[in-house]
Protein backbone atom coordinates (compact mmCIF):
# COMPACT_ATOMS: atom_id res chain seq x y z
CA MET A 1 -13.68 -15.79 -15.40
CA ARG A 2 -10.14 -14.98 -16.43
CA GLU A 3 -10.01 -15.07 -20.23
CA ALA A 4 -8.05 -13.33 -22.97
CA SER A 5 -10.71 -10.97 -24.37
CA SER A 6 -11.46 -9.18 -21.08
CA GLU A 7 -8.68 -9.73 -18.54
CA ARG A 8 -6.68 -6.60 -19.41
CA HIS A 9 -9.70 -4.39 -18.67
CA ILE A 10 -10.49 -5.90 -15.27
CA ASP A 11 -9.31 -4.54 -11.94
CA TRP A 12 -8.38 -7.89 -10.39
CA SER A 13 -8.86 -7.41 -6.67
CA GLU A 14 -10.63 -8.69 -3.59
CA THR A 15 -13.85 -7.70 -5.35
CA ASN A 16 -13.10 -9.06 -8.81
CA GLN A 17 -11.89 -12.56 -8.00
CA ALA A 18 -10.55 -14.67 -10.86
CA ILE A 19 -11.83 -18.14 -11.59
CA SER A 20 -10.36 -20.40 -14.25
CA GLU A 21 -12.20 -21.56 -17.35
CA GLU A 22 -11.87 -25.16 -16.14
CA ARG A 23 -13.51 -24.33 -12.80
CA PHE A 24 -16.30 -22.40 -14.51
CA ASP A 25 -17.01 -25.20 -16.99
CA ALA A 26 -17.09 -27.85 -14.27
CA LEU A 27 -19.55 -25.87 -12.11
CA TRP A 28 -21.62 -24.99 -15.19
CA GLU A 29 -21.99 -28.71 -15.95
CA ARG A 30 -23.02 -29.49 -12.37
CA VAL A 31 -25.62 -26.71 -12.28
CA SER A 32 -26.95 -27.71 -15.71
CA ALA A 33 -27.41 -31.31 -14.57
CA TYR A 34 -29.13 -30.09 -11.38
CA LEU A 35 -31.57 -27.84 -13.24
CA SER A 36 -32.31 -30.47 -15.91
CA GLU A 37 -34.21 -32.40 -13.23
CA ARG A 38 -36.29 -29.41 -12.12
CA GLU A 39 -38.88 -27.03 -13.46
CA VAL A 40 -37.15 -23.83 -14.59
CA TYR A 41 -38.67 -20.41 -15.35
CA SER A 42 -37.54 -18.35 -18.34
CA LEU A 43 -37.78 -14.66 -19.22
CA ASP A 44 -36.63 -12.67 -22.25
CA CYS A 45 -36.01 -9.02 -21.40
CA TYR A 46 -33.63 -6.08 -21.79
CA VAL A 47 -31.34 -4.05 -19.56
CA GLY A 48 -31.08 -0.42 -20.68
CA ALA A 49 -33.91 1.88 -21.76
CA ASP A 50 -31.83 3.42 -24.56
CA GLU A 51 -31.98 1.03 -27.51
CA ARG A 52 -28.47 2.06 -28.59
CA TYR A 53 -26.98 0.71 -25.39
CA ARG A 54 -29.43 -1.88 -24.15
CA VAL A 55 -28.49 -5.55 -23.80
CA PRO A 56 -30.97 -8.38 -24.51
CA LEU A 57 -31.09 -10.89 -21.63
CA ARG A 58 -32.48 -14.36 -21.14
CA VAL A 59 -33.03 -15.15 -17.47
CA TYR A 60 -33.51 -18.70 -16.18
CA THR A 61 -34.46 -19.15 -12.53
CA GLU A 62 -35.14 -22.11 -10.29
CA LEU A 63 -37.67 -20.14 -8.22
CA ALA A 64 -40.79 -18.61 -9.77
CA TRP A 65 -40.65 -15.49 -7.61
CA HIS A 66 -37.10 -14.83 -8.81
CA ASN A 67 -38.41 -14.73 -12.36
CA LEU A 68 -41.16 -12.32 -11.31
CA PHE A 69 -38.46 -10.19 -9.68
CA ALA A 70 -36.52 -10.14 -12.97
CA ARG A 71 -39.69 -9.22 -14.87
CA HIS A 72 -40.17 -6.24 -12.55
CA LEU A 73 -36.55 -5.07 -12.50
CA PHE A 74 -35.64 -5.47 -16.16
CA ILE A 75 -37.48 -4.25 -19.26
CA ALA A 76 -39.85 -6.79 -20.75
CA PRO A 77 -40.72 -6.50 -24.47
CA SER A 78 -44.13 -4.93 -25.06
CA ARG A 79 -45.06 -8.02 -27.06
CA PRO A 80 -43.44 -11.43 -27.63
CA ASP A 81 -40.51 -11.10 -30.03
CA ALA A 82 -40.00 -14.21 -32.16
CA GLY A 83 -36.63 -12.88 -33.30
CA PHE A 84 -35.32 -12.19 -29.79
CA THR A 85 -31.64 -13.13 -29.46
CA PRO A 86 -30.08 -12.81 -26.01
CA GLU A 87 -26.62 -11.28 -25.74
CA PHE A 88 -26.27 -12.45 -22.12
CA THR A 89 -27.82 -15.39 -20.30
CA VAL A 90 -28.45 -15.40 -16.54
CA VAL A 91 -28.86 -18.77 -14.84
CA ASP A 92 -29.93 -18.64 -11.17
CA ALA A 93 -29.97 -21.96 -9.30
CA ALA A 94 -30.92 -20.49 -5.93
CA LEU A 95 -31.05 -23.77 -3.98
CA PHE A 96 -27.89 -25.32 -5.46
CA GLN A 97 -24.92 -25.15 -3.08
CA ALA A 98 -21.37 -25.18 -4.39
CA ASP A 99 -18.71 -27.33 -2.76
CA PRO A 100 -15.83 -24.89 -2.14
CA GLN A 101 -13.16 -27.59 -2.12
CA ARG A 102 -14.42 -29.15 -5.34
CA ASP A 103 -15.61 -26.01 -7.17
CA GLY A 104 -12.96 -23.47 -6.12
CA THR A 105 -15.49 -21.09 -4.54
CA ARG A 106 -15.18 -19.45 -1.12
CA SER A 107 -18.56 -20.68 0.10
CA GLY A 108 -21.68 -22.44 -1.11
CA THR A 109 -22.79 -19.17 -2.70
CA PHE A 110 -21.35 -18.13 -6.06
CA ILE A 111 -21.89 -15.41 -8.67
CA LEU A 112 -19.75 -16.14 -11.73
CA VAL A 113 -19.48 -13.91 -14.81
CA ASN A 114 -18.13 -15.37 -18.03
CA LEU A 115 -17.61 -12.42 -20.40
CA ALA A 116 -16.35 -14.63 -23.21
CA ARG A 117 -19.43 -16.86 -23.32
CA ARG A 118 -21.68 -14.08 -21.99
CA ILE A 119 -23.08 -16.14 -19.13
CA ILE A 120 -23.89 -15.18 -15.53
CA LEU A 121 -24.12 -18.20 -13.21
CA ILE A 122 -25.64 -17.72 -9.74
CA GLY A 123 -26.25 -20.27 -7.01
CA GLY A 124 -26.48 -20.87 -3.29
CA THR A 125 -28.50 -17.74 -2.47
CA ARG A 126 -32.19 -16.90 -2.41
CA TYR A 127 -31.45 -13.16 -2.42
CA ALA A 128 -32.99 -11.97 -5.70
CA GLY A 129 -30.80 -8.87 -5.70
CA GLU A 130 -27.89 -10.94 -7.02
CA ILE A 131 -29.71 -11.23 -10.38
CA LYS A 132 -29.99 -7.47 -10.71
CA LYS A 133 -26.51 -6.68 -9.41
CA SER A 134 -24.73 -9.24 -11.58
CA VAL A 135 -26.32 -7.69 -14.67
CA PHE A 136 -25.31 -4.24 -13.38
CA THR A 137 -21.75 -5.59 -13.15
CA VAL A 138 -21.88 -6.59 -16.81
CA MET A 139 -23.08 -3.11 -17.79
CA ASN A 140 -20.25 -1.64 -15.71
CA TYR A 141 -17.87 -3.59 -17.92
CA LEU A 142 -19.48 -2.92 -21.29
CA LEU A 143 -20.42 0.78 -21.16
CA PRO A 144 -17.07 2.44 -20.37
CA LEU A 145 -15.70 0.72 -23.48
CA ARG A 146 -18.27 2.88 -25.34
CA ASP A 147 -17.40 6.11 -23.48
CA THR A 148 -20.59 5.84 -21.42
CA LEU A 149 -20.62 6.08 -17.62
CA PRO A 150 -22.58 3.41 -15.71
CA MET A 151 -23.81 4.79 -12.39
CA HIS A 152 -25.23 3.44 -9.14
CA CYS A 153 -27.62 6.35 -8.73
CA SER A 154 -31.22 7.49 -8.85
CA ALA A 155 -32.34 10.16 -11.31
CA ASN A 156 -35.27 12.49 -11.83
CA VAL A 157 -36.12 15.47 -14.03
CA GLY A 158 -37.93 18.79 -13.53
CA SER A 159 -40.42 20.59 -15.74
CA MET A 160 -37.62 22.52 -17.46
CA GLY A 161 -35.74 19.34 -18.38
CA ASP A 162 -33.29 19.82 -15.50
CA VAL A 163 -31.98 16.35 -14.69
CA ALA A 164 -30.60 15.50 -11.25
CA ILE A 165 -28.75 12.34 -10.31
CA LEU A 166 -28.28 11.11 -6.75
CA PHE A 167 -25.41 8.77 -5.95
CA GLY A 168 -25.54 6.78 -2.76
CA LEU A 169 -25.17 3.38 -1.14
CA SER A 170 -27.93 1.38 0.51
CA GLY A 171 -29.57 3.25 3.37
CA THR A 172 -28.47 6.77 2.36
CA GLY A 173 -31.89 7.77 1.00
CA LYS A 174 -31.26 7.51 -2.74
CA THR A 175 -34.65 6.00 -3.56
CA THR A 176 -36.57 8.10 -1.03
CA LEU A 177 -35.08 11.45 -2.06
CA SER A 178 -35.49 10.86 -5.78
CA SER A 179 -39.20 10.08 -5.35
CA ASP A 180 -40.61 13.60 -5.60
CA SER A 181 -44.15 14.38 -6.76
CA ARG A 182 -42.86 17.50 -8.56
CA ARG A 183 -40.07 15.74 -10.44
CA PRO A 184 -40.83 12.65 -12.56
CA LEU A 185 -38.59 9.69 -11.76
CA ILE A 186 -36.22 8.38 -14.44
CA GLY A 187 -35.11 5.52 -12.21
CA ASP A 188 -34.13 4.75 -8.63
CA ASP A 189 -30.88 2.79 -8.80
CA GLU A 190 -28.89 2.15 -11.98
CA HIS A 191 -28.30 4.40 -15.00
CA GLY A 192 -26.02 5.13 -17.91
CA TRP A 193 -24.77 8.57 -18.92
CA SER A 194 -24.08 8.58 -22.66
CA ALA A 195 -23.25 11.31 -25.16
CA ASP A 196 -27.01 11.98 -25.37
CA GLY A 197 -27.97 12.03 -21.69
CA VAL A 198 -29.13 9.73 -18.90
CA PHE A 199 -31.04 6.46 -19.31
CA ASN A 200 -32.34 3.96 -16.79
CA PHE A 201 -31.00 0.40 -16.93
CA GLU A 202 -34.16 -0.99 -15.37
CA GLY A 203 -37.89 -1.25 -15.70
CA GLY A 204 -38.58 -1.29 -11.98
CA CYS A 205 -37.52 -0.26 -8.49
CA TYR A 206 -35.85 -2.22 -5.69
CA ALA A 207 -36.51 -0.15 -2.59
CA LYS A 208 -35.20 -0.69 0.90
CA VAL A 209 -38.34 -0.48 3.03
CA ILE A 210 -37.24 -0.84 6.65
CA ARG A 211 -39.34 1.62 8.68
CA LEU A 212 -41.02 2.86 5.50
CA SER A 213 -43.34 5.79 6.20
CA PRO A 214 -46.62 6.34 4.31
CA LYS A 215 -46.31 10.04 5.12
CA ALA A 216 -42.67 10.64 4.16
CA GLU A 217 -42.52 8.11 1.29
CA PRO A 218 -46.10 7.79 0.00
CA GLU A 219 -45.22 6.60 -3.53
CA ILE A 220 -42.94 3.80 -2.30
CA TRP A 221 -45.43 2.85 0.41
CA ALA A 222 -48.26 2.54 -2.11
CA ALA A 223 -46.14 0.53 -4.56
CA THR A 224 -44.92 -1.80 -1.81
CA ASN A 225 -48.51 -2.65 -0.87
CA ARG A 226 -49.69 -3.44 -4.42
CA PHE A 227 -50.49 -6.86 -5.84
CA ALA A 228 -47.53 -8.69 -7.44
CA THR A 229 -44.88 -6.58 -5.69
CA VAL A 230 -42.08 -8.89 -4.54
CA ILE A 231 -41.31 -8.51 -0.82
CA GLU A 232 -38.02 -9.81 0.63
CA ASN A 233 -37.02 -10.13 4.29
CA VAL A 234 -40.15 -8.31 5.51
CA ALA A 235 -42.02 -9.44 8.61
CA TYR A 236 -45.79 -9.83 8.31
CA ASP A 237 -48.80 -11.03 10.28
CA GLU A 238 -49.44 -14.62 9.23
CA SER A 239 -53.17 -14.28 9.90
CA THR A 240 -53.92 -10.97 8.20
CA ARG A 241 -50.82 -10.91 5.94
CA ALA A 242 -50.38 -7.23 6.81
CA LEU A 243 -46.77 -6.08 6.39
CA ASN A 244 -44.75 -4.92 9.36
CA VAL A 245 -42.04 -2.77 7.77
CA ASP A 246 -40.98 -1.46 11.19
CA SER A 247 -39.65 -4.86 12.18
CA ASP A 248 -35.99 -5.76 11.74
CA ALA A 249 -36.59 -9.30 13.00
CA LYS A 250 -35.17 -10.77 9.79
CA THR A 251 -32.69 -8.07 8.78
CA GLU A 252 -32.49 -4.32 8.16
CA ASN A 253 -32.11 -5.18 4.46
CA THR A 254 -35.84 -5.44 3.81
CA ARG A 255 -36.76 -5.01 0.15
CA SER A 256 -39.63 -4.30 -2.18
CA ALA A 257 -39.40 -4.91 -5.94
CA TYR A 258 -42.05 -3.49 -8.25
CA PRO A 259 -42.36 -2.20 -11.83
CA LEU A 260 -41.91 1.50 -12.56
CA ARG A 261 -45.55 1.77 -13.59
CA TYR A 262 -46.45 1.37 -9.89
CA ILE A 263 -44.97 4.84 -9.32
CA PRO A 264 -47.43 7.56 -10.44
CA ASN A 265 -44.86 10.12 -11.50
CA VAL A 266 -42.28 8.60 -13.86
CA VAL A 267 -40.66 9.44 -17.19
CA PRO A 268 -42.32 6.95 -19.60
CA SER A 269 -39.21 6.53 -21.77
CA SER A 270 -36.88 6.23 -18.74
CA GLN A 271 -34.53 8.62 -20.57
CA ALA A 272 -33.70 12.32 -20.27
CA GLY A 273 -30.97 14.84 -21.06
CA HIS A 274 -27.68 15.62 -19.35
CA PRO A 275 -27.65 16.25 -15.59
CA LYS A 276 -27.55 19.79 -14.27
CA THR A 277 -27.02 18.67 -10.68
CA ILE A 278 -25.22 15.77 -8.98
CA ILE A 279 -25.98 14.91 -5.35
CA MET A 280 -23.64 12.52 -3.55
CA LEU A 281 -25.37 11.03 -0.52
CA THR A 282 -23.67 9.69 2.58
CA ALA A 283 -25.01 8.55 5.93
CA ASP A 284 -22.26 9.64 8.32
CA ALA A 285 -22.52 7.65 11.54
CA PHE A 286 -19.73 9.72 13.11
CA GLY A 287 -22.06 12.74 13.08
CA VAL A 288 -19.42 15.19 11.83
CA LEU A 289 -19.98 15.79 8.12
CA PRO A 290 -22.11 18.84 7.27
CA PRO A 291 -25.66 18.14 6.05
CA ILE A 292 -24.84 19.80 2.71
CA ALA A 293 -21.69 21.13 1.03
CA LYS A 294 -20.87 22.32 -2.48
CA LEU A 295 -18.15 20.39 -4.31
CA SER A 296 -15.71 21.45 -6.99
CA ARG A 297 -15.25 19.12 -9.96
CA GLU A 298 -12.11 17.66 -8.36
CA GLN A 299 -13.80 17.25 -4.98
CA ALA A 300 -16.69 15.47 -6.71
CA MET A 301 -14.24 13.05 -8.34
CA TYR A 302 -12.53 12.54 -4.96
CA HIS A 303 -15.78 11.78 -3.12
CA PHE A 304 -16.93 9.57 -6.01
CA LEU A 305 -13.73 7.53 -5.63
CA SER A 306 -14.11 7.49 -1.83
CA GLY A 307 -17.78 6.49 -1.75
CA TYR A 308 -18.05 6.99 2.00
CA THR A 309 -21.01 6.02 4.12
CA ALA A 310 -21.66 3.89 7.21
CA LYS A 311 -23.01 0.38 7.50
CA VAL A 312 -25.52 0.54 10.31
CA ALA A 313 -26.87 -2.63 11.87
CA GLY A 314 -27.64 -4.80 9.05
CA THR A 315 -27.53 -4.33 5.31
CA GLU A 316 -24.70 -6.86 5.42
CA ARG A 317 -25.00 -9.97 7.56
CA GLY A 318 -23.15 -9.73 10.87
CA VAL A 319 -23.06 -5.92 11.12
CA SER A 320 -24.51 -4.96 14.51
CA GLU A 321 -22.54 -1.75 15.17
CA PRO A 322 -22.06 1.19 12.79
CA GLN A 323 -18.96 0.88 10.64
CA ALA A 324 -17.34 3.39 8.31
CA THR A 325 -17.16 2.01 4.80
CA PHE A 326 -15.62 3.28 1.59
CA SER A 327 -17.27 1.79 -1.49
CA THR A 328 -15.61 3.33 -4.50
CA CYS A 329 -17.94 4.81 -7.13
CA PHE A 330 -20.76 4.17 -4.62
CA GLY A 331 -20.85 0.55 -5.78
CA ALA A 332 -17.44 -1.12 -5.38
CA PRO A 333 -18.68 -4.74 -5.52
CA PHE A 334 -20.03 -4.17 -9.04
CA MET A 335 -17.23 -2.13 -10.62
CA VAL A 336 -15.15 -4.15 -13.09
CA HIS A 337 -12.66 -1.63 -14.48
CA HIS A 338 -10.24 0.23 -12.23
CA PRO A 339 -12.13 2.93 -10.24
CA SER A 340 -10.06 5.67 -11.90
CA VAL A 341 -11.69 4.76 -15.25
CA TYR A 342 -15.15 5.64 -13.90
CA ALA A 343 -13.90 8.73 -12.04
CA ALA A 344 -12.20 10.11 -15.15
CA LEU A 345 -15.40 9.59 -17.17
CA LEU A 346 -17.41 11.38 -14.48
CA GLY A 347 -14.96 14.29 -14.37
CA ARG A 348 -15.09 14.79 -18.14
CA LYS A 349 -18.87 14.81 -18.15
CA ILE A 350 -19.08 17.24 -15.20
CA GLU A 351 -16.77 19.63 -17.01
CA GLN A 352 -18.42 19.24 -20.42
CA HIS A 353 -21.96 19.86 -19.13
CA GLU A 354 -21.08 22.33 -16.33
CA VAL A 355 -22.74 20.23 -13.64
CA GLU A 356 -23.11 21.54 -10.07
CA CYS A 357 -22.12 18.96 -7.45
CA TRP A 358 -23.14 18.65 -3.81
CA LEU A 359 -22.35 16.33 -0.90
CA VAL A 360 -25.40 15.65 1.30
CA ASN A 361 -25.18 13.89 4.66
CA THR A 362 -28.36 12.00 5.57
CA GLY A 363 -26.71 10.50 8.66
CA TRP A 364 -26.36 11.77 12.20
CA SER A 365 -26.12 15.20 13.78
CA GLY A 366 -25.30 16.32 17.32
CA GLY A 367 -23.25 13.21 18.02
CA PRO A 368 -22.40 9.82 16.54
CA TYR A 369 -24.85 6.96 16.02
CA GLY A 370 -26.38 6.11 19.39
CA VAL A 371 -25.89 9.65 20.74
CA GLY A 372 -26.96 12.09 18.05
CA LYS A 373 -30.12 12.11 15.96
CA ARG A 374 -30.64 11.16 12.33
CA MET A 375 -31.00 14.15 10.02
CA ALA A 376 -34.65 15.12 9.68
CA ILE A 377 -35.87 13.91 6.29
CA ALA A 378 -37.84 17.16 5.85
CA HIS A 379 -34.62 19.17 6.18
CA THR A 380 -32.73 16.84 3.84
CA ARG A 381 -35.50 17.08 1.23
CA ALA A 382 -35.45 20.87 1.50
CA MET A 383 -31.67 20.95 1.01
CA VAL A 384 -31.73 18.56 -1.95
CA ASN A 385 -34.60 20.43 -3.62
CA ALA A 386 -32.92 23.80 -3.08
CA ALA A 387 -29.66 22.51 -4.58
CA ILE A 388 -31.41 21.01 -7.61
CA GLU A 389 -33.47 24.16 -8.17
CA GLY A 390 -30.52 26.54 -7.74
CA ARG A 391 -32.04 28.27 -4.69
CA ILE A 392 -29.05 28.06 -2.32
CA PRO A 393 -27.41 31.50 -1.93
CA GLU A 394 -23.78 31.65 -3.04
CA ARG A 395 -22.48 32.34 0.46
CA PHE A 396 -20.28 29.65 1.96
CA GLU A 397 -18.00 28.97 4.90
CA GLN A 398 -15.20 26.43 4.60
CA GLU A 399 -15.15 24.01 7.50
CA PRO A 400 -11.61 23.05 8.54
CA PHE A 401 -11.59 19.26 8.81
CA PHE A 402 -12.76 18.17 5.34
CA GLY A 403 -12.21 21.31 3.26
CA LEU A 404 -15.92 21.50 2.42
CA ASN A 405 -17.77 24.67 1.43
CA VAL A 406 -20.89 24.81 3.60
CA PRO A 407 -23.71 27.22 2.70
CA THR A 408 -24.55 29.76 5.39
CA SER A 409 -28.25 29.46 4.59
CA VAL A 410 -30.67 27.13 2.81
CA PRO A 411 -34.35 27.93 2.27
CA ASP A 412 -36.67 26.15 4.74
CA VAL A 413 -33.75 24.80 6.83
CA PRO A 414 -32.81 26.31 10.23
CA SER A 415 -29.35 27.88 9.98
CA GLU A 416 -28.13 26.09 13.13
CA VAL A 417 -28.60 22.75 11.33
CA LEU A 418 -26.00 23.59 8.67
CA ASN A 419 -22.88 23.71 10.89
CA PRO A 420 -22.35 20.21 12.33
CA ARG A 421 -19.99 21.36 15.09
CA ASN A 422 -22.66 23.69 16.51
CA ALA A 423 -25.01 20.74 16.94
CA TRP A 424 -22.63 19.04 19.42
CA ALA A 425 -22.82 19.95 23.09
CA ASP A 426 -19.16 18.92 23.53
CA LYS A 427 -17.16 20.78 20.85
CA SER A 428 -13.88 19.05 21.70
CA ALA A 429 -15.58 15.67 21.23
CA TYR A 430 -16.70 16.86 17.79
CA ASP A 431 -13.15 17.88 16.89
CA GLN A 432 -11.79 14.50 17.98
CA GLN A 433 -14.44 12.63 15.98
CA ALA A 434 -13.88 14.81 12.88
CA ARG A 435 -10.12 14.16 12.99
CA LYS A 436 -10.82 10.44 13.26
CA LEU A 437 -13.02 10.43 10.15
CA ALA A 438 -10.56 12.63 8.23
CA GLU A 439 -7.83 10.09 9.02
CA LEU A 440 -10.02 7.30 7.62
CA PHE A 441 -10.56 9.28 4.41
CA PHE A 442 -6.82 9.94 4.16
CA ASN A 443 -5.83 6.30 4.63
CA ASN A 444 -8.47 5.04 2.21
CA PHE A 445 -7.32 7.35 -0.58
CA LYS A 446 -3.71 6.14 -0.45
CA ARG A 447 -4.63 3.31 -2.82
CA PHE A 448 -5.47 5.85 -5.56
CA GLU A 449 -2.21 7.79 -5.35
CA GLY A 450 -0.50 7.86 -8.72
CA GLN A 451 -3.70 6.87 -10.50
CA VAL A 452 -5.52 10.21 -10.44
CA SER A 453 -4.62 13.71 -11.58
CA ASP A 454 -2.68 16.13 -9.40
CA ALA A 455 -5.83 18.29 -9.17
CA VAL A 456 -7.85 15.41 -7.69
CA SER A 457 -5.03 14.55 -5.30
CA ALA A 458 -4.95 18.20 -4.18
CA ALA A 459 -8.68 17.99 -3.36
CA ALA A 460 -8.16 15.00 -1.07
CA ILE A 461 -8.92 15.23 2.65
CA ARG A 462 -5.86 15.40 4.91
CA PRO A 463 -5.95 15.01 8.68
CA LEU A 464 -5.81 18.27 10.63
CA ALA A 465 -3.26 18.33 13.45
CA PRO A 466 -4.71 18.90 16.95
CA SER A 467 -4.65 22.57 17.91
């Protein structure tokens, strides 16, 4: 909602659409009248494991399973707190449809954030993820005002206190790759990076489980099959009630929501120190990005602003072919300030704590989607683990199309895997595809010109002329 206390901080855009106070109040009254005639479920909880930054929430939902979802994903008090005072209230009327002409919305679905009254109003969607993501949006507004970086990332920590964070959009492997039996999980999706270190926003996990493997992802598999786990968009046998996670009959965006305690290897406090390693994940459907590359601080800021990956057949409704997408800060729909605010915060923290940064491609090799093969998860795990543990030799080759420094060897990974051009039978086809993706990067970054430092602009990808 456009209002005086917050409007100067907000990057008004296609993502952050303004609604007037009058429109908000009118829809609020209609939803309130609708819910007054129905049974409503209530939950008091927190977002943010660090008490210095956490926000008390009260969540009202029309559907009982939505309230269970919120109980899993947020942090419930260990015991009832008679003095609990919510700082934000979430109201989810899942079955209430807005009237766009009357209510000023674009469809029957609406997610409205009123920062003045500290209310989140959701309706017209049964997708429970809107509850979680709208609260994430609020944290993305509040934390930068306190010099704390909100991040769409997973995080884990090693035995020596070495924290790693993994940025990535849906389908890039963020949850899978952060679930490592040797490294306790801090959280799988949303974190803050304060002056003291990293803390989880949540008390649970919201894993994408399409084609989930009990062998490759045993912790997530076990949690998904436990009592009280909330399953969304997953096919199952109506007689035996056995899950069929290989089916995309409903959508590729199949989900499992469960509390962190369902994962055997977690950090109990959901907090740890400053990161030593940052991994930026992408699933390149063009099949031309290297499987791993080391990034300078400025390149890390550039790729953070770019947020490249590919939508492949279905996280969003109507996507049946792979599409390149640039989601700034790896979470554009939930970023409230201008993207440069988050990138500048990230850059300062990388420099202050001397963080090593890597770009990891979990997408396709040997050709684009439909021709090449998806990167082997065993190879990706080996590369991520070697980067986090500092076991990649400091020998690099710069590939020409994206200016990336590619290691010549990685432990437990065949050397031929590391150079993406070598994996293509038709080298000229690779060159053409690489130029195409470089052009997309170049055009996308034009919107940040004049809003980032000269050093970050110098690290930007520029199309390479045909030889």
